[in-house]
Amino acid sequence: MSHSSAQSINLLVVASAVFGSVTVSAFAQELDWEFNPRLSFSQVFSDNIGLDPVGEEESEFVSQLNTGFNFSRQGGSARARVGYNLQSLLYWQDTTEDRLFHQFFADGGVELLPERLSIDSSAGFTQRQLTGERAGGDNLTRDSNRTDVLTFRVSPVYTERLDDLAEVLFRYSYNRVEILDSSADDSSSERNSVNLDITSGTRFSRFGWGLSFAWSQTDFDDGSFSSLPRIDALGRWNVTDRFSLFGTIGYEENEFEQGGARSQQDGLTWRLGSTFAPGERTFMEAFVGDRVFGTTYGASLRHRLRNSQVLLDYREEITTVNEFESDQTIPRGVNATIEEALIVDGEPVFLDLESPELRSGAFVSRRLSVAYTGERRKTGWGIRLFHEERDFEISNRTEQAQSIAGNLSWRVRPRTSLFADGSLQQRDSGGVDGDQTLYFTRFGLQRQLGPRLNASLSYSFRELDGSNGENDYQENRVTATVQRSF
């Protein structure tokens, strides 16, 4: 086992210990664990396993074995969810490339004082691409353009209710993102944050109010840091039970340091907006405001139809790669499925061109995401649009990424389904590394062989086109998979 692999496993153990120390009281509850082991075997053929340029392709057969489990427990004063997968790859021609990958996700919490003091924790371990130069690869790709990423978080939360007058919430969070590759370990970072929110109670049914203080500091291993303190006062007028107007006024003072250069931004902030919920199936919110980086906008829409739903989210904020990796490597929400986050069709999820480059420093993110998903009788579908602009502080580097992705499934027989999905992704690095376009398409057949036994056969094609042409490639891949859950 290599030194980097041993280091990865050691850090995984540390993250697991942090998670376990917070949720240990769950074992003391008289509740049953829900335990689900799983196993899948895939035989893969690729005509360009290294994603090499046209004329330099090498074909390869790869046998892939995924063994894993997920278990959960919720009730009383504690909850916990854990998922693990061991991905074993065997290359038929170049056996020196045989490798193992670990994927791990967990989150949990324990209530120390009923309705007052609780501690949340989470941990994640997965892989991502080191650079976007040869985007589109995954763990099967025979190259070195990947790294392990360890993420874990601990967050105590204290809540105090002042009768029907107000509610006070205090949260502290510690977050660590570890990039386990020597070429990018300067991007590793830790983040400390404090949030104090005081919101009006039920006595204020028509006119509500709130005060909030937020502070966060992200320290990167290369010495860079970003400090983001902010205070806001909010007023809300509930015009009707379904329509409200709100406004905030505040002050923020941001400080950034990178490569010996320092920048500071401070000033008054404001925001005006409204919320509208015309029915139980629809919620809308929109606002306009001003922050230190300029005029800012935000909007969200949730609308459920009989067989489908529409989701829209637009936000502008100052963030870091630390926060992006934390959001992507740890499933969020009570209903998030750990198994789906770990493995999609037998392979760990890579976000390709949507991911920001691994680098230190903060950036202003302007992000739009629109999704339409549904299912009716024998057909299921989904389509997603994504666009993000990133303006980095200090370095003045810019990135722009956009994509459109869709999937379709059709149950042709009670146990047999056809599926297809595809995506078009683009990224522009602001003239530094040029722009790239990644095409991906796949279609296949899935058959249920038994109550917990499935088999699938799929074909996929991916192509990368860049403005400099140095890393362009095409790959055709055929995958046969048998999956068994227990």
Protein backbone atom coordinates (compact mmCIF):
# COMPACT_ATOMS: atom_id res chain seq x y z
CA MET A 1 0.00 0.00 0.00
CA SER A 2 1.38 3.44 -0.94
CA HIS A 3 2.11 6.16 1.60
CA SER A 4 -0.66 8.35 0.16
CA SER A 5 -3.17 5.50 0.44
CA ALA A 6 -2.15 4.85 4.05
CA GLN A 7 -2.46 8.56 4.81
CA SER A 8 -5.90 8.63 3.20
CA ILE A 9 -7.12 5.71 5.31
CA ASN A 10 -5.67 7.25 8.49
CA LEU A 11 -7.46 10.51 7.87
CA LEU A 12 -10.63 8.59 7.08
CA VAL A 13 -10.34 6.92 10.47
CA VAL A 14 -9.90 10.31 12.13
CA ALA A 15 -13.02 11.68 10.43
CA SER A 16 -14.96 8.57 11.42
CA ALA A 17 -13.85 9.03 15.02
CA VAL A 18 -15.03 12.64 15.01
CA PHE A 19 -18.38 11.56 13.64
CA GLY A 20 -18.64 8.64 16.03
CA SER A 21 -17.81 10.66 19.12
CA VAL A 22 -20.78 12.90 18.45
CA THR A 23 -23.32 10.15 17.66
CA VAL A 24 -22.19 7.51 20.14
CA SER A 25 -25.29 8.02 22.27
CA ALA A 26 -27.36 6.62 19.40
CA PHE A 27 -26.09 3.18 20.32
CA ALA A 28 -27.49 3.60 23.81
CA GLN A 29 -31.02 4.04 22.48
CA GLU A 30 -33.28 0.99 22.38
CA LEU A 31 -33.79 1.25 18.63
CA ASP A 32 -32.90 -1.03 15.76
CA TRP A 33 -30.32 -0.13 13.17
CA GLU A 34 -31.35 -0.38 9.55
CA PHE A 35 -28.44 -2.14 7.86
CA ASN A 36 -28.24 -2.67 4.08
CA PRO A 37 -25.15 -4.27 2.53
CA ARG A 38 -24.75 -4.22 -1.23
CA LEU A 39 -22.54 -5.70 -3.92
CA SER A 40 -22.08 -5.00 -7.61
CA PHE A 41 -19.78 -6.34 -10.32
CA SER A 42 -19.13 -4.60 -13.63
CA GLN A 43 -17.19 -5.60 -16.71
CA VAL A 44 -16.08 -2.54 -18.65
CA PHE A 45 -14.50 -2.08 -22.08
CA SER A 46 -13.01 1.29 -23.01
CA ASP A 47 -11.36 2.16 -26.31
CA ASN A 48 -9.44 5.05 -24.65
CA ILE A 49 -8.86 4.20 -21.01
CA GLY A 50 -6.29 6.99 -20.56
CA LEU A 51 -8.37 9.69 -22.32
CA ASP A 52 -5.45 10.23 -24.69
CA PRO A 53 -5.53 12.38 -27.87
CA VAL A 54 -6.78 10.98 -31.16
CA GLY A 55 -4.26 8.49 -32.54
CA GLU A 56 -2.75 7.66 -29.12
CA GLU A 57 -5.70 5.75 -27.64
CA GLU A 58 -5.23 2.51 -25.73
CA SER A 59 -8.13 0.12 -25.19
CA GLU A 60 -8.61 -1.83 -21.97
CA PHE A 61 -10.91 -4.26 -20.18
CA VAL A 62 -11.57 -3.39 -16.53
CA SER A 63 -13.31 -5.54 -13.92
CA GLN A 64 -14.92 -3.46 -11.20
CA LEU A 65 -16.22 -4.71 -7.85
CA ASN A 66 -18.13 -2.40 -5.52
CA THR A 67 -18.76 -3.70 -2.01
CA GLY A 68 -20.42 -1.51 0.54
CA PHE A 69 -23.14 -0.90 3.03
CA ASN A 70 -25.24 1.83 4.52
CA PHE A 71 -27.00 1.92 7.86
CA SER A 72 -29.06 4.44 9.73
CA ARG A 73 -30.75 4.96 13.05
CA GLN A 74 -33.09 7.69 14.22
CA GLY A 75 -35.13 8.17 17.34
CA GLY A 76 -34.97 9.39 20.88
CA SER A 77 -32.24 12.00 21.18
CA ALA A 78 -29.86 10.77 18.48
CA ARG A 79 -29.67 10.00 14.78
CA ALA A 80 -26.97 8.61 12.53
CA ARG A 81 -26.49 7.64 8.88
CA VAL A 82 -23.39 5.95 7.50
CA GLY A 83 -22.48 4.76 4.02
CA TYR A 84 -19.29 3.13 2.78
CA ASN A 85 -18.09 1.73 -0.53
CA LEU A 86 -14.90 -0.07 -1.53
CA GLN A 87 -14.25 0.22 -5.25
CA SER A 88 -11.84 -2.46 -6.55
CA LEU A 89 -10.49 -2.14 -10.11
CA LEU A 90 -8.66 -4.89 -12.01
CA TYR A 91 -7.05 -3.97 -15.36
CA TRP A 92 -6.66 -6.92 -17.71
CA GLN A 93 -3.71 -5.67 -19.79
CA ASP A 94 -1.75 -3.36 -17.48
CA THR A 95 -2.08 -5.06 -14.10
CA THR A 96 0.22 -2.49 -12.48
CA GLU A 97 -2.73 -0.07 -12.62
CA ASP A 98 -4.92 -2.23 -10.33
CA ARG A 99 -6.22 -0.03 -7.53
CA LEU A 100 -8.62 0.42 -4.66
CA PHE A 101 -10.73 3.48 -3.85
CA HIS A 102 -12.69 4.23 -0.69
CA GLN A 103 -15.87 6.32 -0.52
CA PHE A 104 -17.43 7.16 2.81
CA PHE A 105 -20.27 9.44 3.94
CA ALA A 106 -21.86 9.94 7.33
CA ASP A 107 -23.89 12.45 9.25
CA GLY A 108 -25.53 12.42 12.63
CA GLY A 109 -26.52 14.36 15.69
CA VAL A 110 -27.25 14.06 19.37
CA GLU A 111 -29.50 16.18 21.57
CA LEU A 112 -27.76 16.90 24.87
CA LEU A 113 -30.43 19.17 26.36
CA PRO A 114 -33.97 18.62 25.04
CA GLU A 115 -34.96 21.40 22.61
CA ARG A 116 -31.93 23.45 23.65
CA LEU A 117 -28.48 22.02 23.04
CA SER A 118 -27.52 19.62 20.25
CA ILE A 119 -24.42 18.68 18.26
CA ASP A 120 -24.43 17.89 14.54
CA SER A 121 -21.54 16.23 12.73
CA SER A 122 -20.73 14.90 9.29
CA ALA A 123 -17.82 13.34 7.41
CA GLY A 124 -17.07 12.50 3.80
CA PHE A 125 -14.30 10.83 1.83
CA THR A 126 -14.35 10.64 -1.96
CA GLN A 127 -12.40 11.47 -5.11
CA ARG A 128 -12.37 14.45 -7.43
CA GLN A 129 -10.34 15.66 -10.39
CA LEU A 130 -7.15 17.57 -9.66
CA THR A 131 -7.42 19.87 -12.67
CA GLY A 132 -9.90 20.48 -15.45
CA GLU A 133 -7.32 19.95 -18.18
CA ARG A 134 -8.64 16.44 -18.90
CA ALA A 135 -12.17 16.71 -17.54
CA GLY A 136 -14.66 13.89 -17.87
CA GLY A 137 -12.56 11.13 -16.36
CA ASP A 138 -13.50 8.98 -13.39
CA ASN A 139 -11.80 6.44 -11.15
CA LEU A 140 -11.60 3.95 -14.01
CA THR A 141 -9.61 6.39 -16.17
CA ARG A 142 -5.95 5.37 -16.27
CA ASP A 143 -4.27 8.64 -15.38
CA SER A 144 -3.21 10.59 -12.28
CA ASN A 145 -5.68 13.44 -12.58
CA ARG A 146 -7.53 12.70 -9.35
CA THR A 147 -7.14 13.10 -5.63
CA ASP A 148 -8.83 11.88 -2.48
CA VAL A 149 -10.79 14.51 -0.55
CA LEU A 150 -11.60 14.23 3.14
CA THR A 151 -14.25 16.49 4.65
CA PHE A 152 -15.62 16.59 8.16
CA ARG A 153 -17.64 19.02 10.24
CA VAL A 154 -18.71 19.42 13.88
CA SER A 155 -21.35 21.96 14.89
CA PRO A 156 -22.90 22.54 18.34
CA VAL A 157 -26.24 24.40 18.30
CA TYR A 158 -27.96 26.14 21.22
CA THR A 159 -31.58 27.35 21.05
CA GLU A 160 -33.45 29.45 23.61
CA ARG A 161 -37.13 30.39 23.36
CA LEU A 162 -38.23 33.55 25.17
CA ASP A 163 -41.90 32.62 25.52
CA ASP A 164 -43.77 33.99 22.50
CA LEU A 165 -41.48 37.03 22.25
CA ALA A 166 -38.43 35.70 20.42
CA GLU A 167 -36.21 32.74 19.67
CA VAL A 168 -32.42 32.81 19.99
CA LEU A 169 -30.22 30.41 18.02
CA PHE A 170 -26.44 30.16 18.39
CA ARG A 171 -24.35 27.88 16.16
CA TYR A 172 -20.62 27.27 15.98
CA SER A 173 -19.14 25.15 13.18
CA TYR A 174 -15.71 23.74 12.53
CA ASN A 175 -15.07 22.41 9.03
CA ARG A 176 -11.97 20.76 7.59
CA VAL A 177 -11.30 19.95 3.93
CA GLU A 178 -8.18 17.88 3.28
CA ILE A 179 -6.87 17.53 -0.29
CA LEU A 180 -4.72 14.37 -0.19
CA ASP A 181 -2.35 15.08 -3.05
CA SER A 182 0.99 16.80 -2.65
CA SER A 183 0.48 18.89 -5.80
CA ALA A 184 -2.70 20.46 -4.41
CA ASP A 185 -2.44 20.13 -0.64
CA ASP A 186 -2.03 23.92 -0.32
CA SER A 187 -5.74 24.03 -1.18
CA SER A 188 -6.56 22.16 2.04
CA SER A 189 -8.31 24.41 4.51
CA GLU A 190 -10.25 24.75 7.71
CA ARG A 191 -13.21 26.96 8.38
CA ASN A 192 -14.54 28.32 11.67
CA SER A 193 -17.91 30.06 11.73
CA VAL A 194 -20.28 31.57 14.28
CA ASN A 195 -23.94 32.41 13.72
CA LEU A 196 -26.23 34.20 16.17
CA ASP A 197 -29.86 34.71 15.12
CA ILE A 198 -32.64 36.35 17.12
CA THR A 199 -36.07 36.10 15.46
CA SER A 200 -39.48 37.33 16.55
CA GLY A 201 -41.89 34.93 18.19
CA THR A 202 -45.52 34.07 17.58
CA ARG A 203 -46.66 37.29 19.24
CA PHE A 204 -45.57 39.17 16.11
CA SER A 205 -47.93 37.61 13.57
CA ARG A 206 -48.31 40.60 11.24
CA PHE A 207 -44.96 42.36 11.59
CA GLY A 208 -41.90 40.21 12.23
CA TRP A 209 -38.33 41.18 12.96
CA GLY A 210 -34.90 39.62 13.31
CA LEU A 211 -31.28 40.35 14.19
CA SER A 212 -28.38 38.23 12.96
CA PHE A 213 -24.63 38.17 13.30
CA ALA A 214 -22.46 35.89 11.16
CA TRP A 215 -18.70 35.47 11.14
CA SER A 216 -16.58 32.96 9.30
CA GLN A 217 -12.88 32.58 8.61
CA THR A 218 -11.34 30.13 6.16
CA ASP A 219 -7.62 29.44 6.54
CA PHE A 220 -5.81 27.67 3.70
CA ASP A 221 -2.64 25.65 4.19
CA ASP A 222 -0.69 28.02 1.92
CA GLY A 223 -1.29 30.92 4.34
CA SER A 224 -4.20 32.49 2.49
CA PHE A 225 -7.32 33.34 4.43
CA SER A 226 -10.69 35.02 4.09
CA SER A 227 -12.60 36.60 6.98
CA LEU A 228 -16.29 37.44 6.51
CA PRO A 229 -18.08 39.16 9.44
CA ARG A 230 -21.58 40.50 8.87
CA ILE A 231 -24.50 41.87 10.89
CA ASP A 232 -28.09 42.36 9.67
CA ALA A 233 -31.42 43.64 10.95
CA LEU A 234 -34.57 42.31 9.28
CA GLY A 235 -38.15 43.50 9.12
CA ARG A 236 -41.01 41.50 7.61
CA TRP A 237 -44.60 42.50 6.85
CA ASN A 238 -46.98 39.58 6.34
CA VAL A 239 -49.44 41.33 4.06
CA THR A 240 -51.57 38.19 3.86
CA ASP A 241 -51.16 34.58 4.94
CA ARG A 242 -49.52 33.86 1.58
CA PHE A 243 -47.70 37.09 0.66
CA SER A 244 -45.05 38.98 2.58
CA LEU A 245 -42.56 41.81 2.08
CA PHE A 246 -39.20 41.97 3.80
CA GLY A 247 -36.16 44.18 4.02
CA THR A 248 -32.76 44.05 5.69
CA ILE A 249 -30.08 46.58 6.47
CA GLY A 250 -26.66 45.68 7.74
CA TYR A 251 -22.91 46.04 7.60
CA GLU A 252 -20.17 43.72 6.42
CA GLU A 253 -16.39 43.91 6.61
CA ASN A 254 -14.54 41.35 4.52
CA GLU A 255 -10.80 40.74 4.57
CA PHE A 256 -8.74 38.59 2.19
CA GLU A 257 -5.07 37.66 2.06
CA GLN A 258 -3.30 35.59 -0.58
CA GLY A 259 0.29 35.43 -1.79
CA GLY A 260 1.33 38.36 0.39
CA ALA A 261 -1.40 40.62 -1.01
CA ARG A 262 -4.23 41.82 1.20
CA SER A 263 -7.64 43.28 0.38
CA GLN A 264 -10.37 44.66 2.59
CA GLN A 265 -13.98 45.50 1.72
CA ASP A 266 -16.51 47.03 4.04
CA GLY A 267 -19.74 48.97 3.81
CA LEU A 268 -23.46 49.08 4.42
CA THR A 269 -25.65 46.38 2.89
CA TRP A 270 -29.37 46.22 2.20
CA ARG A 271 -31.92 43.91 0.65
CA LEU A 272 -35.59 44.22 -0.36
CA GLY A 273 -37.75 41.31 -1.39
CA SER A 274 -40.95 39.35 -1.11
CA THR A 275 -42.26 35.81 -0.70
CA PHE A 276 -45.40 34.38 -2.25
CA ALA A 277 -47.03 31.01 -1.66
CA PRO A 278 -50.26 30.92 -3.70
CA GLY A 279 -50.91 27.31 -2.69
CA GLU A 280 -49.44 24.35 -0.87
CA ARG A 281 -47.58 23.27 -4.00
CA THR A 282 -45.89 26.59 -4.82
CA PHE A 283 -43.40 28.86 -3.09
CA MET A 284 -41.59 31.86 -4.61
CA GLU A 285 -39.05 34.31 -3.26
CA ALA A 286 -37.15 37.14 -4.94
CA PHE A 287 -35.03 40.04 -3.74
CA VAL A 288 -32.61 42.75 -4.83
CA GLY A 289 -29.95 44.35 -2.71
CA ASP A 290 -26.48 45.78 -2.45
CA ARG A 291 -23.33 44.27 -0.94
CA VAL A 292 -19.66 45.20 -1.01
CA PHE A 293 -19.19 43.44 -4.35
CA GLY A 294 -22.07 45.33 -6.00
CA THR A 295 -25.77 45.00 -6.71
CA THR A 296 -26.98 41.53 -5.81
CA TYR A 297 -30.05 39.48 -6.74
CA GLY A 298 -31.62 36.29 -5.48
CA ALA A 299 -34.61 34.13 -6.40
CA SER A 300 -36.06 30.70 -5.69
CA LEU A 301 -39.06 28.76 -6.95
CA ARG A 302 -40.56 25.44 -5.85
CA HIS A 303 -43.61 24.25 -7.75
CA ARG A 304 -45.10 20.74 -7.63
CA LEU A 305 -47.40 19.49 -10.37
CA ARG A 306 -49.34 16.24 -10.30
CA ASN A 307 -46.50 14.14 -11.73
CA SER A 308 -43.53 16.51 -11.73
CA GLN A 309 -41.86 19.44 -10.05
CA VAL A 310 -39.96 22.57 -11.05
CA LEU A 311 -37.07 23.94 -9.02
CA LEU A 312 -35.21 27.22 -9.56
CA ASP A 313 -32.49 28.77 -7.46
CA TYR A 314 -30.34 31.83 -8.07
CA ARG A 315 -27.94 33.22 -5.51
CA GLU A 316 -24.91 35.50 -5.26
CA GLU A 317 -22.45 35.05 -2.42
CA ILE A 318 -18.82 35.09 -1.38
CA THR A 319 -17.60 31.54 -0.94
CA THR A 320 -14.54 29.27 -1.16
CA VAL A 321 -13.58 25.88 -2.54
CA ASN A 322 -13.78 24.69 1.09
CA GLU A 323 -17.54 25.29 1.17
CA PHE A 324 -18.03 23.80 -2.30
CA GLU A 325 -16.27 20.54 -1.37
CA SER A 326 -18.19 20.33 1.91
CA ASP A 327 -21.50 20.70 0.11
CA GLN A 328 -20.64 18.12 -2.55
CA THR A 329 -19.00 15.37 -0.51
CA ILE A 330 -21.58 15.21 2.29
CA PRO A 331 -25.28 14.47 1.60
CA ARG A 332 -27.50 17.21 2.97
CA GLY A 333 -31.01 16.93 4.32
CA VAL A 334 -32.90 14.25 6.16
CA ASN A 335 -34.12 12.61 2.96
CA ALA A 336 -30.77 12.58 1.16
CA THR A 337 -29.84 9.05 0.12
CA ILE A 338 -26.30 8.13 1.07
CA GLU A 339 -26.19 5.20 -1.35
CA GLU A 340 -27.11 7.46 -4.28
CA ALA A 341 -24.50 10.00 -3.19
CA LEU A 342 -21.83 7.31 -3.06
CA ILE A 343 -22.48 5.44 -6.28
CA VAL A 344 -24.37 6.28 -9.45
CA ASP A 345 -24.63 3.36 -11.87
CA GLY A 346 -21.60 1.68 -10.38
CA GLU A 347 -19.25 4.68 -10.38
CA PRO A 348 -18.55 7.49 -7.87
CA VAL A 349 -19.90 10.87 -8.89
CA PHE A 350 -17.51 13.33 -10.58
CA LEU A 351 -18.86 16.82 -11.25
CA ASP A 352 -16.44 17.47 -14.13
CA LEU A 353 -16.52 21.05 -15.43
CA GLU A 354 -19.00 22.33 -12.84
CA SER A 355 -16.37 22.06 -10.10
CA PRO A 356 -14.16 25.07 -9.40
CA GLU A 357 -10.44 24.50 -9.76
CA LEU A 358 -8.63 23.44 -6.59
CA ARG A 359 -7.09 26.67 -5.37
CA SER A 360 -6.98 28.82 -2.26
CA GLY A 361 -8.79 32.12 -1.89
CA ALA A 362 -12.36 33.34 -1.89
CA PHE A 363 -14.54 34.13 -4.88
CA VAL A 364 -17.87 35.78 -5.63
CA SER A 365 -20.24 33.13 -6.97
CA ARG A 366 -23.26 33.98 -9.13
CA ARG A 367 -25.05 30.66 -9.55
CA LEU A 368 -28.25 29.68 -11.35
CA SER A 369 -29.74 26.19 -11.25
CA VAL A 370 -33.03 25.12 -12.85
CA ALA A 371 -34.44 21.60 -12.76
CA TYR A 372 -37.56 19.87 -14.02
CA THR A 373 -38.16 16.27 -12.94
CA GLY A 374 -41.13 13.96 -13.09
CA GLU A 375 -42.54 10.48 -13.42
CA ARG A 376 -45.73 9.32 -15.08
CA ARG A 377 -46.84 5.75 -15.56
CA LYS A 378 -43.92 4.02 -17.26
CA THR A 379 -41.78 7.09 -17.93
CA GLY A 380 -39.44 9.11 -15.75
CA TRP A 381 -37.49 12.18 -16.79
CA GLY A 382 -35.30 15.00 -15.58
CA ILE A 383 -33.55 18.02 -17.03
CA ARG A 384 -31.21 20.47 -15.32
CA LEU A 385 -29.69 23.79 -16.40
CA PHE A 386 -26.70 25.22 -14.58
CA HIS A 387 -24.70 28.44 -14.89
CA GLU A 388 -22.10 29.93 -12.56
CA GLU A 389 -19.71 32.86 -12.73
CA ARG A 390 -16.78 32.99 -10.29
CA ASP A 391 -14.75 36.15 -9.63
CA PHE A 392 -11.78 35.45 -7.37
CA GLU A 393 -10.58 38.02 -4.87
CA ILE A 394 -6.93 39.17 -4.88
CA SER A 395 -5.92 37.16 -7.97
CA ASN A 396 -8.64 38.69 -10.20
CA ARG A 397 -9.03 35.28 -11.84
CA THR A 398 -12.42 34.49 -13.35
CA GLU A 399 -14.18 31.24 -14.23
CA GLN A 400 -17.46 30.57 -15.94
CA ALA A 401 -19.20 27.20 -16.11
CA GLN A 402 -22.51 26.13 -17.59
CA SER A 403 -24.19 22.85 -18.40
CA ILE A 404 -27.40 21.21 -19.51
CA ALA A 405 -28.08 17.62 -18.50
CA GLY A 406 -31.03 15.30 -18.90
CA ASN A 407 -32.12 11.74 -18.30
CA LEU A 408 -35.01 9.57 -19.46
CA SER A 409 -36.22 6.13 -18.40
CA TRP A 410 -39.00 4.01 -19.89
CA ARG A 411 -40.32 0.79 -18.37
CA VAL A 412 -41.01 -1.35 -21.41
CA ARG A 413 -42.02 -4.36 -19.30
CA PRO A 414 -42.72 -4.87 -15.59
CA ARG A 415 -39.07 -5.78 -14.93
CA THR A 416 -37.32 -4.22 -17.91
CA SER A 417 -36.43 -0.56 -18.48
CA LEU A 418 -34.62 1.44 -21.09
CA PHE A 419 -32.63 4.50 -19.99
CA ALA A 420 -30.72 7.34 -21.59
CA ASP A 421 -28.94 10.40 -20.30
CA GLY A 422 -26.62 13.03 -21.62
CA SER A 423 -24.98 16.33 -20.82
CA LEU A 424 -23.20 19.26 -22.40
CA GLN A 425 -20.79 21.14 -20.13
CA GLN A 426 -18.65 24.19 -20.83
CA ARG A 427 -16.06 26.08 -18.83
CA ASP A 428 -14.14 29.26 -19.58
CA SER A 429 -11.15 30.06 -17.38
CA GLY A 430 -11.03 33.72 -18.32
CA GLY A 431 -8.27 33.40 -20.88
CA VAL A 432 -5.84 31.65 -18.50
CA ASP A 433 -6.32 28.03 -19.55
CA GLY A 434 -8.73 28.56 -22.43
CA ASP A 435 -12.20 27.13 -22.65
CA GLN A 436 -13.44 23.53 -22.74
CA THR A 437 -16.57 21.70 -23.85
CA LEU A 438 -17.43 18.23 -22.59
CA TYR A 439 -20.04 16.06 -24.32
CA PHE A 440 -21.43 12.93 -22.70
CA THR A 441 -24.20 10.57 -23.71
CA ARG A 442 -25.26 7.12 -22.55
CA PHE A 443 -28.07 4.70 -23.16
CA GLY A 444 -28.78 1.19 -21.98
CA LEU A 445 -31.07 -1.54 -20.72
CA GLN A 446 -31.80 -2.57 -17.13
CA ARG A 447 -33.47 -5.81 -16.05
CA GLN A 448 -34.70 -6.86 -12.61
CA LEU A 449 -33.66 -10.49 -12.15
CA GLY A 450 -35.01 -10.92 -8.65
CA PRO A 451 -36.36 -9.03 -5.62
CA ARG A 452 -32.93 -7.47 -4.92
CA LEU A 453 -30.97 -8.46 -8.01
CA ASN A 454 -30.57 -6.24 -11.08
CA ALA A 455 -28.51 -6.33 -14.26
CA SER A 456 -27.77 -3.61 -16.80
CA LEU A 457 -25.94 -3.13 -20.08
CA SER A 458 -24.99 0.36 -21.28
CA TYR A 459 -22.98 2.21 -23.90
CA SER A 460 -21.49 5.66 -23.30
CA PHE A 461 -19.56 8.20 -25.33
CA ARG A 462 -17.67 11.23 -24.09
CA GLU A 463 -15.67 13.86 -25.91
CA LEU A 464 -13.62 16.84 -24.70
CA ASP A 465 -12.92 19.81 -26.96
CA GLY A 466 -10.65 22.63 -25.79
CA SER A 467 -9.56 25.86 -27.36
CA ASN A 468 -5.89 24.82 -27.27
CA GLY A 469 -6.60 21.25 -28.43
CA GLU A 470 -3.86 19.74 -26.27
CA ASN A 471 -6.12 17.59 -24.09
CA ASP A 472 -8.89 16.76 -26.54
CA TYR A 473 -10.07 13.15 -26.58
CA GLN A 474 -12.90 10.78 -27.39
CA GLU A 475 -13.90 7.64 -25.51
CA ASN A 476 -16.40 4.87 -26.17
CA ARG A 477 -17.28 2.63 -23.25
CA VAL A 478 -19.46 -0.49 -22.81
CA THR A 479 -20.43 -1.57 -19.29
CA ALA A 480 -22.22 -4.69 -18.08
CA THR A 481 -23.23 -4.67 -14.40
CA VAL A 482 -24.91 -7.02 -11.93
CA GLN A 483 -26.08 -5.49 -8.63
CA ARG A 484 -27.22 -7.26 -5.49
CA SER A 485 -28.54 -5.74 -2.26
CA PHE A 486 -29.18 -7.71 0.91
